[in-house]
């Protein structure tokens, strides 16, 4: 039995661990999960749980991970926290018998996290990057906005480096900040207030100005190995909340995923997001990790977290994704559970 360690990572790890245990009928893997908070709900889905030292980062954290792997006899390490830095030290882990499951090479991870760099490089003919301009102060924003507004009716912005949609805003010209507050939409901002905020901010980290893509968004949960797409399940998100998501099978989405996974030599579980606009399907981002909605994707058939682990551990010959049930409507519903 191989010991597989997931350190502190995104909330989807609870679903991932549960799915791996469900798929592992032959009990080949024993799952270890750690978190600085000993009450973290993610720990409940693991075979073994451990508490990480709070506040440890950088090289000190890598050192702790190396010692932890030795102490716990870890065979496979799936890093979340400090994944890029841990990837740079993969040989140190391998020297003590630990294989690090990284979604990509460390330099590639940095490029994927920086959307301006990613958009400049991404090559997917069926879903090219959206048009964009980079701005870092009020003056460059004003010039970029004037140019792009001539071609697009509605624009939006987001930080070049961010997660969870933090900093994303659709820019509105016809409503005041007070109107938007009463509308209750936290992802819109009025142009007048935005200009004032940027002026007060002075110089700031790179932001992206883009046309707002008003169509459906697609979240695609993929399994890859060394740049080869093994399996992909696409979820179409609704335009209105409360409708659930729909599993779709589209050749243009699968083709784009295959191109991008090959270009960036991705491995393991990755999530690729697209959105439709007036000019068709556009790539939004690659998340080099499992998505928060991966459990919904698995309802369509393939056990994606388990397949990702098996492909990395045993190779493609050991992986049999099976069919995908297109047209299936899925959702996540909160359920009360008793913890103690």
C-alpha atoms as a PDB file:
ATOM      1  CA  UNK A   1       0.000   0.000   0.000  1.00  0.00           C
ATOM      2  CA  UNK A   2       1.357   3.406  -1.011  1.00  0.00           C
ATOM      3  CA  UNK A   3       1.053   6.400   1.266  1.00  0.00           C
ATOM      4  CA  UNK A   4      -0.187   9.532  -0.526  1.00  0.00           C
ATOM      5  CA  UNK A   5       0.050  12.905   1.196  1.00  0.00           C
ATOM      6  CA  UNK A   6      -2.087  15.971   0.446  1.00  0.00           C
ATOM      7  CA  UNK A   7      -0.837  19.001   2.390  1.00  0.00           C
ATOM      8  CA  UNK A   8      -2.866  22.152   3.009  1.00  0.00           C
ATOM      9  CA  UNK A   9      -4.687  22.984  -0.191  1.00  0.00           C
ATOM     10  CA  UNK A  10      -8.008  24.156  -1.606  1.00  0.00           C
ATOM     11  CA  UNK A  11     -11.361  23.092  -0.169  1.00  0.00           C
ATOM     12  CA  UNK A  12     -11.932  20.575  -2.986  1.00  0.00           C
ATOM     13  CA  UNK A  13      -9.491  18.174  -1.267  1.00  0.00           C
ATOM     14  CA  UNK A  14     -12.298  16.749   0.898  1.00  0.00           C
ATOM     15  CA  UNK A  15     -14.253  15.681  -2.185  1.00  0.00           C
ATOM     16  CA  UNK A  16     -11.072  14.470  -3.889  1.00  0.00           C
ATOM     17  CA  UNK A  17     -10.023  12.269  -0.977  1.00  0.00           C
ATOM     18  CA  UNK A  18     -13.528  10.811  -0.685  1.00  0.00           C
ATOM     19  CA  UNK A  19     -13.580  10.010  -4.411  1.00  0.00           C
ATOM     20  CA  UNK A  20     -10.121   8.414  -4.357  1.00  0.00           C
ATOM     21  CA  UNK A  21     -11.125   6.175  -1.460  1.00  0.00           C
ATOM     22  CA  UNK A  22     -14.310   5.247  -3.332  1.00  0.00           C
ATOM     23  CA  UNK A  23     -12.376   4.366  -6.491  1.00  0.00           C
ATOM     24  CA  UNK A  24      -9.599   2.484  -4.714  1.00  0.00           C
ATOM     25  CA  UNK A  25     -11.428  -0.848  -4.426  1.00  0.00           C
ATOM     26  CA  UNK A  26      -8.136  -2.769  -4.152  1.00  0.00           C
ATOM     27  CA  UNK A  27      -6.900  -0.528  -1.295  1.00  0.00           C
ATOM     28  CA  UNK A  28      -3.648   0.376  -3.044  1.00  0.00           C
ATOM     29  CA  UNK A  29      -3.441   3.814  -1.437  1.00  0.00           C
ATOM     30  CA  UNK A  30      -3.541   5.141   2.109  1.00  0.00           C
ATOM     31  CA  UNK A  31      -4.398   8.822   2.124  1.00  0.00           C
ATOM     32  CA  UNK A  32      -2.776  11.310   4.470  1.00  0.00           C
ATOM     33  CA  UNK A  33      -3.987  14.900   4.752  1.00  0.00           C
ATOM     34  CA  UNK A  34      -2.502  17.749   6.787  1.00  0.00           C
ATOM     35  CA  UNK A  35      -3.640  21.243   7.691  1.00  0.00           C
ATOM     36  CA  UNK A  36      -2.548  23.914  10.203  1.00  0.00           C
ATOM     37  CA  UNK A  37      -6.053  23.837  11.669  1.00  0.00           C
ATOM     38  CA  UNK A  38      -6.592  20.477  13.397  1.00  0.00           C
ATOM     39  CA  UNK A  39     -10.356  21.028  13.069  1.00  0.00           C
ATOM     40  CA  UNK A  40     -10.215  21.422   9.271  1.00  0.00           C
ATOM     41  CA  UNK A  41     -13.046  19.471   7.647  1.00  0.00           C
ATOM     42  CA  UNK A  42     -10.681  18.276   4.911  1.00  0.00           C
ATOM     43  CA  UNK A  43      -9.005  15.988   7.445  1.00  0.00           C
ATOM     44  CA  UNK A  44     -12.204  13.997   7.940  1.00  0.00           C
ATOM     45  CA  UNK A  45     -11.949  12.359   4.506  1.00  0.00           C
ATOM     46  CA  UNK A  46      -8.377  11.064   4.936  1.00  0.00           C
ATOM     47  CA  UNK A  47      -7.202   7.739   6.334  1.00  0.00           C
ATOM     48  CA  UNK A  48      -4.662   9.605   8.472  1.00  0.00           C
ATOM     49  CA  UNK A  49      -4.597  13.258   9.515  1.00  0.00           C
ATOM     50  CA  UNK A  50      -1.794  15.501  10.733  1.00  0.00           C
ATOM     51  CA  UNK A  51      -1.395  19.090  11.883  1.00  0.00           C
ATOM     52  CA  UNK A  52       1.009  21.362  10.025  1.00  0.00           C
ATOM     53  CA  UNK A  53       2.978  24.112  11.817  1.00  0.00           C
ATOM     54  CA  UNK A  54       1.081  27.381  11.492  1.00  0.00           C
ATOM     55  CA  UNK A  55       2.682  30.248   9.574  1.00  0.00           C
ATOM     56  CA  UNK A  56       5.569  28.251   8.096  1.00  0.00           C
ATOM     57  CA  UNK A  57       6.375  29.282   4.484  1.00  0.00           C
ATOM     58  CA  UNK A  58       9.112  29.225   1.867  1.00  0.00           C
ATOM     59  CA  UNK A  59      12.271  27.178   2.276  1.00  0.00           C
ATOM     60  CA  UNK A  60      11.465  26.499   5.926  1.00  0.00           C
ATOM     61  CA  UNK A  61       8.185  24.882   4.868  1.00  0.00           C
ATOM     62  CA  UNK A  62       9.961  22.772   2.246  1.00  0.00           C
ATOM     63  CA  UNK A  63      12.344  21.553   4.929  1.00  0.00           C
ATOM     64  CA  UNK A  64       9.429  20.634   7.163  1.00  0.00           C
ATOM     65  CA  UNK A  65       7.785  18.765   4.266  1.00  0.00           C
ATOM     66  CA  UNK A  66      10.947  16.747   3.628  1.00  0.00           C
ATOM     67  CA  UNK A  67      11.142  15.759   7.281  1.00  0.00           C
ATOM     68  CA  UNK A  68       7.422  14.979   7.390  1.00  0.00           C
ATOM     69  CA  UNK A  69       7.666  12.733   4.316  1.00  0.00           C
ATOM     70  CA  UNK A  70      10.483  10.771   5.921  1.00  0.00           C
ATOM     71  CA  UNK A  71       8.691  10.472   9.239  1.00  0.00           C
ATOM     72  CA  UNK A  72       5.406   9.391   7.649  1.00  0.00           C
ATOM     73  CA  UNK A  73       6.990   7.151   4.960  1.00  0.00           C
ATOM     74  CA  UNK A  74       5.237   9.073   2.171  1.00  0.00           C
ATOM     75  CA  UNK A  75       5.450   7.587  -1.332  1.00  0.00           C
ATOM     76  CA  UNK A  76       3.567  10.254  -3.325  1.00  0.00           C
ATOM     77  CA  UNK A  77       3.254  13.920  -2.343  1.00  0.00           C
ATOM     78  CA  UNK A  78       0.466  16.026  -3.897  1.00  0.00           C
ATOM     79  CA  UNK A  79       1.318  19.593  -2.835  1.00  0.00           C
ATOM     80  CA  UNK A  80      -1.150  22.445  -2.592  1.00  0.00           C
ATOM     81  CA  UNK A  81       0.562  24.985  -0.352  1.00  0.00           C
ATOM     82  CA  UNK A  82       3.916  26.129  -1.817  1.00  0.00           C
ATOM     83  CA  UNK A  83       3.356  23.843  -4.828  1.00  0.00           C
ATOM     84  CA  UNK A  84       5.665  25.822  -7.121  1.00  0.00           C
ATOM     85  CA  UNK A  85       8.519  25.940  -4.610  1.00  0.00           C
ATOM     86  CA  UNK A  86       8.092  22.265  -3.713  1.00  0.00           C
ATOM     87  CA  UNK A  87       8.251  21.450  -7.425  1.00  0.00           C
ATOM     88  CA  UNK A  88      11.625  23.180  -7.618  1.00  0.00           C
ATOM     89  CA  UNK A  89      12.857  20.804  -4.905  1.00  0.00           C
ATOM     90  CA  UNK A  90      11.302  17.666  -6.418  1.00  0.00           C
ATOM     91  CA  UNK A  91      14.687  15.948  -6.711  1.00  0.00           C
ATOM     92  CA  UNK A  92      15.320  16.356  -2.976  1.00  0.00           C
ATOM     93  CA  UNK A  93      12.057  14.523  -2.324  1.00  0.00           C
ATOM     94  CA  UNK A  94      12.843  11.877  -4.932  1.00  0.00           C
ATOM     95  CA  UNK A  95      16.234  11.271  -3.335  1.00  0.00           C
ATOM     96  CA  UNK A  96      14.396  10.033  -0.257  1.00  0.00           C
ATOM     97  CA  UNK A  97      11.898   7.991  -2.266  1.00  0.00           C
ATOM     98  CA  UNK A  98       9.038  10.503  -2.566  1.00  0.00           C
ATOM     99  CA  UNK A  99       7.502  11.301  -5.953  1.00  0.00           C
ATOM    100  CA  UNK A 100       5.999  14.817  -6.175  1.00  0.00           C
ATOM    101  CA  UNK A 101       2.823  15.052  -8.260  1.00  0.00           C
ATOM    102  CA  UNK A 102       3.129  18.534  -9.753  1.00  0.00           C
ATOM    103  CA  UNK A 103       0.711  19.715 -12.415  1.00  0.00           C
ATOM    104  CA  UNK A 104       3.565  21.319 -14.371  1.00  0.00           C
ATOM    105  CA  UNK A 105       7.177  22.399 -14.178  1.00  0.00           C
ATOM    106  CA  UNK A 106       7.750  25.234 -11.661  1.00  0.00           C
ATOM    107  CA  UNK A 107       8.400  27.863 -14.357  1.00  0.00           C
ATOM    108  CA  UNK A 108       5.215  26.789 -16.138  1.00  0.00           C
ATOM    109  CA  UNK A 109       3.190  27.092 -12.942  1.00  0.00           C
ATOM    110  CA  UNK A 110       4.351  30.694 -12.600  1.00  0.00           C
ATOM    111  CA  UNK A 111       3.277  31.430 -16.181  1.00  0.00           C
ATOM    112  CA  UNK A 112      -0.142  29.865 -15.622  1.00  0.00           C
ATOM    113  CA  UNK A 113      -0.720  31.934 -12.492  1.00  0.00           C
ATOM    114  CA  UNK A 114       0.077  35.174 -14.372  1.00  0.00           C
ATOM    115  CA  UNK A 115      -2.842  35.613 -16.779  1.00  0.00           C
ATOM    116  CA  UNK A 116      -1.127  38.298 -18.866  1.00  0.00           C
ATOM    117  CA  UNK A 117       1.757  35.909 -19.583  1.00  0.00           C
ATOM    118  CA  UNK A 118      -0.620  32.995 -20.053  1.00  0.00           C
ATOM    119  CA  UNK A 119      -2.785  34.837 -22.579  1.00  0.00           C
ATOM    120  CA  UNK A 120       0.305  35.909 -24.516  1.00  0.00           C
ATOM    121  CA  UNK A 121       1.406  32.281 -24.871  1.00  0.00           C
ATOM    122  CA  UNK A 122      -1.764  30.158 -24.908  1.00  0.00           C
ATOM    123  CA  UNK A 123      -2.408  28.452 -28.233  1.00  0.00           C
ATOM    124  CA  UNK A 124      -5.806  26.812 -28.673  1.00  0.00           C
ATOM    125  CA  UNK A 125      -7.269  27.421 -32.152  1.00  0.00           C
ATOM    126  CA  UNK A 126     -10.818  26.513 -31.113  1.00  0.00           C
ATOM    127  CA  UNK A 127     -10.700  28.795 -28.042  1.00  0.00           C
ATOM    128  CA  UNK A 128      -8.090  31.579 -28.342  1.00  0.00           C
ATOM    129  CA  UNK A 129      -7.438  34.043 -25.507  1.00  0.00           C
ATOM    130  CA  UNK A 130      -9.697  37.103 -25.272  1.00  0.00           C
ATOM    131  CA  UNK A 131      -8.512  40.520 -26.387  1.00  0.00           C
ATOM    132  CA  UNK A 132      -6.876  42.387 -23.522  1.00  0.00           C
ATOM    133  CA  UNK A 133      -4.783  45.349 -22.465  1.00  0.00           C
ATOM    134  CA  UNK A 134      -2.625  45.636 -19.347  1.00  0.00           C
ATOM    135  CA  UNK A 135      -2.831  48.730 -17.143  1.00  0.00           C
ATOM    136  CA  UNK A 136      -0.966  49.688 -13.971  1.00  0.00           C
ATOM    137  CA  UNK A 137      -2.232  53.221 -13.242  1.00  0.00           C
ATOM    138  CA  UNK A 138      -5.184  55.513 -13.955  1.00  0.00           C
ATOM    139  CA  UNK A 139      -3.605  56.982 -17.086  1.00  0.00           C
ATOM    140  CA  UNK A 140      -2.914  53.676 -18.832  1.00  0.00           C
ATOM    141  CA  UNK A 141      -6.409  52.495 -17.847  1.00  0.00           C
ATOM    142  CA  UNK A 142      -8.025  55.559 -19.415  1.00  0.00           C
ATOM    143  CA  UNK A 143      -6.157  55.095 -22.672  1.00  0.00           C
ATOM    144  CA  UNK A 144      -6.867  51.363 -22.810  1.00  0.00           C
ATOM    145  CA  UNK A 145     -10.539  51.871 -21.964  1.00  0.00           C
ATOM    146  CA  UNK A 146     -10.977  54.439 -24.731  1.00  0.00           C
ATOM    147  CA  UNK A 147      -9.429  52.106 -27.307  1.00  0.00           C
ATOM    148  CA  UNK A 148     -11.336  48.989 -26.306  1.00  0.00           C
ATOM    149  CA  UNK A 149     -14.641  50.777 -25.801  1.00  0.00           C
ATOM    150  CA  UNK A 150     -14.670  51.609 -29.511  1.00  0.00           C
ATOM    151  CA  UNK A 151     -14.906  47.888 -30.303  1.00  0.00           C
ATOM    152  CA  UNK A 152     -16.804  46.453 -27.324  1.00  0.00           C
ATOM    153  CA  UNK A 153     -19.965  47.618 -25.589  1.00  0.00           C
ATOM    154  CA  UNK A 154     -19.159  46.216 -22.134  1.00  0.00           C
ATOM    155  CA  UNK A 155     -15.702  45.779 -20.608  1.00  0.00           C
ATOM    156  CA  UNK A 156     -14.409  44.081 -17.495  1.00  0.00           C
ATOM    157  CA  UNK A 157     -11.188  43.931 -15.506  1.00  0.00           C
ATOM    158  CA  UNK A 158      -9.281  41.553 -13.246  1.00  0.00           C
ATOM    159  CA  UNK A 159      -5.812  41.290 -11.703  1.00  0.00           C
ATOM    160  CA  UNK A 160      -3.213  39.506 -13.766  1.00  0.00           C
ATOM    161  CA  UNK A 161      -2.473  37.310 -10.729  1.00  0.00           C
ATOM    162  CA  UNK A 162      -5.425  36.283  -8.552  1.00  0.00           C
ATOM    163  CA  UNK A 163      -7.593  33.355  -7.415  1.00  0.00           C
ATOM    164  CA  UNK A 164     -11.301  32.770  -6.738  1.00  0.00           C
ATOM    165  CA  UNK A 165     -12.255  35.662  -9.056  1.00  0.00           C
ATOM    166  CA  UNK A 166     -10.888  38.174  -6.528  1.00  0.00           C
ATOM    167  CA  UNK A 167     -10.662  41.587  -8.178  1.00  0.00           C
ATOM    168  CA  UNK A 168     -12.875  40.744 -11.157  1.00  0.00           C
ATOM    169  CA  UNK A 169     -15.408  43.441 -12.000  1.00  0.00           C
ATOM    170  CA  UNK A 170     -17.747  44.148 -14.914  1.00  0.00           C
ATOM    171  CA  UNK A 171     -17.519  47.879 -15.647  1.00  0.00           C
ATOM    172  CA  UNK A 172     -20.858  49.695 -15.820  1.00  0.00           C
ATOM    173  CA  UNK A 173     -21.429  53.141 -17.328  1.00  0.00           C
ATOM    174  CA  UNK A 174     -25.130  53.583 -16.778  1.00  0.00           C
ATOM    175  CA  UNK A 175     -25.420  53.118 -13.015  1.00  0.00           C
ATOM    176  CA  UNK A 176     -23.931  54.761  -9.945  1.00  0.00           C
ATOM    177  CA  UNK A 177     -22.083  52.993  -7.125  1.00  0.00           C
ATOM    178  CA  UNK A 178     -25.214  53.412  -4.994  1.00  0.00           C
ATOM    179  CA  UNK A 179     -27.371  51.746  -7.665  1.00  0.00           C
ATOM    180  CA  UNK A 180     -24.982  48.786  -7.882  1.00  0.00           C
ATOM    181  CA  UNK A 181     -24.926  48.439  -4.109  1.00  0.00           C
ATOM    182  CA  UNK A 182     -28.707  48.146  -4.045  1.00  0.00           C
ATOM    183  CA  UNK A 183     -28.632  45.694  -6.946  1.00  0.00           C
ATOM    184  CA  UNK A 184     -26.596  43.361  -4.739  1.00  0.00           C
ATOM    185  CA  UNK A 185     -24.110  42.325  -7.457  1.00  0.00           C
ATOM    186  CA  UNK A 186     -20.582  42.384  -5.979  1.00  0.00           C
ATOM    187  CA  UNK A 187     -18.908  41.781  -9.356  1.00  0.00           C
ATOM    188  CA  UNK A 188     -19.892  45.084 -10.996  1.00  0.00           C
ATOM    189  CA  UNK A 189     -18.396  48.548 -10.567  1.00  0.00           C
ATOM    190  CA  UNK A 190     -19.377  51.904 -12.041  1.00  0.00           C
ATOM    191  CA  UNK A 191     -16.874  53.661 -14.292  1.00  0.00           C
ATOM    192  CA  UNK A 192     -16.856  56.937 -12.344  1.00  0.00           C
ATOM    193  CA  UNK A 193     -15.995  55.289  -9.028  1.00  0.00           C
ATOM    194  CA  UNK A 194     -13.435  53.065 -10.704  1.00  0.00           C
ATOM    195  CA  UNK A 195     -11.591  56.032 -12.216  1.00  0.00           C
ATOM    196  CA  UNK A 196     -11.492  57.741  -8.812  1.00  0.00           C
ATOM    197  CA  UNK A 197     -10.188  54.607  -7.102  1.00  0.00           C
ATOM    198  CA  UNK A 198      -7.446  54.080  -9.674  1.00  0.00           C
ATOM    199  CA  UNK A 199      -6.376  57.700  -9.424  1.00  0.00           C
ATOM    200  CA  UNK A 200      -6.026  57.444  -5.655  1.00  0.00           C
ATOM    201  CA  UNK A 201      -4.185  54.131  -5.890  1.00  0.00           C
ATOM    202  CA  UNK A 202      -1.361  55.557  -7.987  1.00  0.00           C
ATOM    203  CA  UNK A 203       0.738  52.715  -9.395  1.00  0.00           C
ATOM    204  CA  UNK A 204      -0.467  49.154  -8.718  1.00  0.00           C
ATOM    205  CA  UNK A 205       0.190  45.574  -9.766  1.00  0.00           C
ATOM    206  CA  UNK A 206      -0.771  44.693 -13.366  1.00  0.00           C
ATOM    207  CA  UNK A 207      -4.481  44.563 -14.140  1.00  0.00           C
ATOM    208  CA  UNK A 208      -6.170  43.306 -17.300  1.00  0.00           C
ATOM    209  CA  UNK A 209      -8.867  45.162 -19.243  1.00  0.00           C
ATOM    210  CA  UNK A 210     -10.958  42.851 -21.430  1.00  0.00           C
ATOM    211  CA  UNK A 211     -14.298  42.667 -23.236  1.00  0.00           C
ATOM    212  CA  UNK A 212     -16.985  41.198 -21.017  1.00  0.00           C
ATOM    213  CA  UNK A 213     -17.941  37.745 -22.308  1.00  0.00           C
ATOM    214  CA  UNK A 214     -21.672  37.497 -21.703  1.00  0.00           C
ATOM    215  CA  UNK A 215     -22.214  33.868 -22.711  1.00  0.00           C
ATOM    216  CA  UNK A 216     -21.955  30.590 -20.842  1.00  0.00           C
ATOM    217  CA  UNK A 217     -18.891  29.715 -18.780  1.00  0.00           C
ATOM    218  CA  UNK A 218     -17.471  26.201 -18.982  1.00  0.00           C
ATOM    219  CA  UNK A 219     -15.387  24.567 -16.247  1.00  0.00           C
ATOM    220  CA  UNK A 220     -13.514  21.525 -17.537  1.00  0.00           C
ATOM    221  CA  UNK A 221     -12.009  19.044 -15.101  1.00  0.00           C
ATOM    222  CA  UNK A 222      -9.156  17.192 -16.797  1.00  0.00           C
ATOM    223  CA  UNK A 223      -6.793  14.331 -16.136  1.00  0.00           C
ATOM    224  CA  UNK A 224      -3.444  14.539 -17.919  1.00  0.00           C
ATOM    225  CA  UNK A 225      -0.096  12.792 -17.959  1.00  0.00           C
ATOM    226  CA  UNK A 226       3.054  14.388 -19.356  1.00  0.00           C
ATOM    227  CA  UNK A 227       1.140  16.632 -21.740  1.00  0.00           C
ATOM    228  CA  UNK A 228      -1.384  14.052 -22.917  1.00  0.00           C
ATOM    229  CA  UNK A 229      -5.092  14.500 -22.214  1.00  0.00           C
ATOM    230  CA  UNK A 230      -6.460  11.368 -20.559  1.00  0.00           C
ATOM    231  CA  UNK A 231      -9.994  12.487 -19.775  1.00  0.00           C
ATOM    232  CA  UNK A 232     -12.009  15.723 -19.631  1.00  0.00           C
ATOM    233  CA  UNK A 233     -15.469  16.452 -18.252  1.00  0.00           C
ATOM    234  CA  UNK A 234     -16.962  19.862 -19.096  1.00  0.00           C
ATOM    235  CA  UNK A 235     -19.589  21.562 -16.958  1.00  0.00           C
ATOM    236  CA  UNK A 236     -21.638  24.403 -18.468  1.00  0.00           C
ATOM    237  CA  UNK A 237     -22.538  26.945 -15.819  1.00  0.00           C
ATOM    238  CA  UNK A 238     -25.977  28.611 -15.955  1.00  0.00           C
ATOM    239  CA  UNK A 239     -26.545  32.250 -16.844  1.00  0.00           C
ATOM    240  CA  UNK A 240     -28.904  32.504 -13.858  1.00  0.00           C
ATOM    241  CA  UNK A 241     -28.203  31.110 -10.409  1.00  0.00           C
ATOM    242  CA  UNK A 242     -30.071  28.174  -8.947  1.00  0.00           C
ATOM    243  CA  UNK A 243     -30.367  26.143 -12.144  1.00  0.00           C
ATOM    244  CA  UNK A 244     -27.544  23.654 -11.605  1.00  0.00           C
ATOM    245  CA  UNK A 245     -24.815  22.902 -14.148  1.00  0.00           C
ATOM    246  CA  UNK A 246     -24.941  20.745 -17.262  1.00  0.00           C
ATOM    247  CA  UNK A 247     -22.394  18.173 -18.430  1.00  0.00           C
ATOM    248  CA  UNK A 248     -21.594  18.854 -22.088  1.00  0.00           C
ATOM    249  CA  UNK A 249     -19.489  17.026 -24.643  1.00  0.00           C
ATOM    250  CA  UNK A 250     -18.153  19.494 -27.225  1.00  0.00           C
ATOM    251  CA  UNK A 251     -15.370  18.869 -29.694  1.00  0.00           C
ATOM    252  CA  UNK A 252     -14.169  22.489 -29.641  1.00  0.00           C
ATOM    253  CA  UNK A 253     -13.732  22.365 -25.849  1.00  0.00           C
ATOM    254  CA  UNK A 254     -11.996  18.983 -25.913  1.00  0.00           C
ATOM    255  CA  UNK A 255      -9.733  20.115 -28.743  1.00  0.00           C
ATOM    256  CA  UNK A 256      -8.755  23.282 -26.838  1.00  0.00           C
ATOM    257  CA  UNK A 257      -8.037  21.282 -23.672  1.00  0.00           C
ATOM    258  CA  UNK A 258      -5.876  18.849 -25.612  1.00  0.00           C
ATOM    259  CA  UNK A 259      -3.874  21.685 -27.212  1.00  0.00           C
ATOM    260  CA  UNK A 260      -3.321  23.497 -23.903  1.00  0.00           C
ATOM    261  CA  UNK A 261      -2.384  20.386 -21.937  1.00  0.00           C
ATOM    262  CA  UNK A 262       0.133  19.469 -24.624  1.00  0.00           C
ATOM    263  CA  UNK A 263       1.536  23.027 -24.835  1.00  0.00           C
ATOM    264  CA  UNK A 264       2.125  23.332 -21.089  1.00  0.00           C
ATOM    265  CA  UNK A 265       3.023  19.652 -20.523  1.00  0.00           C
ATOM    266  CA  UNK A 266       0.446  19.226 -17.764  1.00  0.00           C
ATOM    267  CA  UNK A 267       0.076  16.230 -15.449  1.00  0.00           C
ATOM    268  CA  UNK A 268      -2.499  15.108 -12.902  1.00  0.00           C
ATOM    269  CA  UNK A 269      -5.791  16.880 -12.214  1.00  0.00           C
ATOM    270  CA  UNK A 270      -6.141  20.325 -13.781  1.00  0.00           C
ATOM    271  CA  UNK A 271      -9.098  22.600 -14.387  1.00  0.00           C
ATOM    272  CA  UNK A 272      -9.487  24.667 -17.558  1.00  0.00           C
ATOM    273  CA  UNK A 273     -12.098  27.415 -17.835  1.00  0.00           C
ATOM    274  CA  UNK A 274     -13.666  28.889 -20.962  1.00  0.00           C
ATOM    275  CA  UNK A 275     -16.386  31.413 -21.703  1.00  0.00           C
ATOM    276  CA  UNK A 276     -18.413  32.314 -24.773  1.00  0.00           C
ATOM    277  CA  UNK A 277     -18.709  35.831 -26.149  1.00  0.00           C
ATOM    278  CA  UNK A 278     -19.757  37.556 -29.362  1.00  0.00           C
ATOM    279  CA  UNK A 279     -16.757  36.080 -31.175  1.00  0.00           C
ATOM    280  CA  UNK A 280     -17.128  32.539 -29.865  1.00  0.00           C
ATOM    281  CA  UNK A 281     -15.390  30.417 -27.242  1.00  0.00           C
ATOM    282  CA  UNK A 282     -12.435  31.936 -25.369  1.00  0.00           C
ATOM    283  CA  UNK A 283      -9.961  30.452 -22.883  1.00  0.00           C
ATOM    284  CA  UNK A 284     -10.107  32.112 -19.458  1.00  0.00           C
ATOM    285  CA  UNK A 285      -7.514  30.275 -17.384  1.00  0.00           C
ATOM    286  CA  UNK A 286      -5.845  27.035 -16.419  1.00  0.00           C
ATOM    287  CA  UNK A 287      -5.946  26.130 -12.739  1.00  0.00           C
ATOM    288  CA  UNK A 288      -3.126  23.603 -12.130  1.00  0.00           C
ATOM    289  CA  UNK A 289      -5.184  21.786  -9.497  1.00  0.00           C
ATOM    290  CA  UNK A 290      -8.577  20.220  -8.931  1.00  0.00           C
ATOM    291  CA  UNK A 291     -11.552  22.545  -9.121  1.00  0.00           C
ATOM    292  CA  UNK A 292     -14.015  23.105  -6.311  1.00  0.00           C
ATOM    293  CA  UNK A 293     -16.720  21.477  -8.447  1.00  0.00           C
ATOM    294  CA  UNK A 294     -14.839  18.314  -9.401  1.00  0.00           C
ATOM    295  CA  UNK A 295     -17.319  16.111  -7.521  1.00  0.00           C
ATOM    296  CA  UNK A 296     -20.099  17.339  -9.819  1.00  0.00           C
ATOM    297  CA  UNK A 297     -18.015  16.417 -12.872  1.00  0.00           C
ATOM    298  CA  UNK A 298     -17.497  12.919 -11.483  1.00  0.00           C
ATOM    299  CA  UNK A 299     -21.269  12.341 -11.485  1.00  0.00           C
ATOM    300  CA  UNK A 300     -20.955  12.089 -15.276  1.00  0.00           C
ATOM    301  CA  UNK A 301     -18.951   8.854 -14.950  1.00  0.00           C
ATOM    302  CA  UNK A 302     -15.147   9.117 -14.594  1.00  0.00           C
ATOM    303  CA  UNK A 303     -13.682   9.271 -11.084  1.00  0.00           C
ATOM    304  CA  UNK A 304     -11.278  12.077 -11.948  1.00  0.00           C
ATOM    305  CA  UNK A 305      -9.232  12.365  -8.701  1.00  0.00           C
ATOM    306  CA  UNK A 306      -8.647   8.607  -8.651  1.00  0.00           C
ATOM    307  CA  UNK A 307      -7.743   8.527 -12.362  1.00  0.00           C
ATOM    308  CA  UNK A 308      -5.299  11.384 -11.875  1.00  0.00           C
ATOM    309  CA  UNK A 309      -3.509   9.569  -9.063  1.00  0.00           C
ATOM    310  CA  UNK A 310      -3.441   6.217 -10.879  1.00  0.00           C
ATOM    311  CA  UNK A 311      -2.183   7.731 -14.134  1.00  0.00           C
ATOM    312  CA  UNK A 312       0.699   9.410 -12.308  1.00  0.00           C
ATOM    313  CA  UNK A 313       1.512   6.336 -10.230  1.00  0.00           C
ATOM    314  CA  UNK A 314       0.978   3.492 -12.730  1.00  0.00           C
ATOM    315  CA  UNK A 315       0.894   5.068 -16.204  1.00  0.00           C
ATOM    316  CA  UNK A 316      -1.726   5.373 -18.924  1.00  0.00           C
ATOM    317  CA  UNK A 317      -2.188   1.630 -19.366  1.00  0.00           C
ATOM    318  CA  UNK A 318      -3.709   1.460 -15.889  1.00  0.00           C
ATOM    319  CA  UNK A 319      -6.317   4.136 -16.625  1.00  0.00           C
ATOM    320  CA  UNK A 320      -9.772   3.418 -18.064  1.00  0.00           C
ATOM    321  CA  UNK A 321     -11.894   6.601 -17.887  1.00  0.00           C
ATOM    322  CA  UNK A 322     -15.088   5.070 -19.283  1.00  0.00           C
ATOM    323  CA  UNK A 323     -17.948   6.950 -20.982  1.00  0.00           C
ATOM    324  CA  UNK A 324     -19.145  10.450 -20.081  1.00  0.00           C
ATOM    325  CA  UNK A 325     -22.881  11.074 -19.657  1.00  0.00           C
ATOM    326  CA  UNK A 326     -23.498  14.252 -21.619  1.00  0.00           C
ATOM    327  CA  UNK A 327     -26.614  16.318 -20.925  1.00  0.00           C
ATOM    328  CA  UNK A 328     -26.642  15.408 -17.231  1.00  0.00           C
ATOM    329  CA  UNK A 329     -27.701  18.247 -14.923  1.00  0.00           C
ATOM    330  CA  UNK A 330     -25.708  18.399 -11.701  1.00  0.00           C
ATOM    331  CA  UNK A 331     -25.501  20.545  -8.587  1.00  0.00           C
ATOM    332  CA  UNK A 332     -24.084  20.660  -5.081  1.00  0.00           C
ATOM    333  CA  UNK A 333     -26.518  20.950  -2.176  1.00  0.00           C
ATOM    334  CA  UNK A 334     -25.394  21.757   1.363  1.00  0.00           C
ATOM    335  CA  UNK A 335     -26.147  19.028   3.879  1.00  0.00           C
ATOM    336  CA  UNK A 336     -25.924  19.209   7.638  1.00  0.00           C
ATOM    337  CA  UNK A 337     -23.630  16.641   9.264  1.00  0.00           C
ATOM    338  CA  UNK A 338     -22.752  15.879  12.875  1.00  0.00           C
ATOM    339  CA  UNK A 339     -19.014  16.302  13.547  1.00  0.00           C
ATOM    340  CA  UNK A 340     -18.923  15.035  17.121  1.00  0.00           C
END
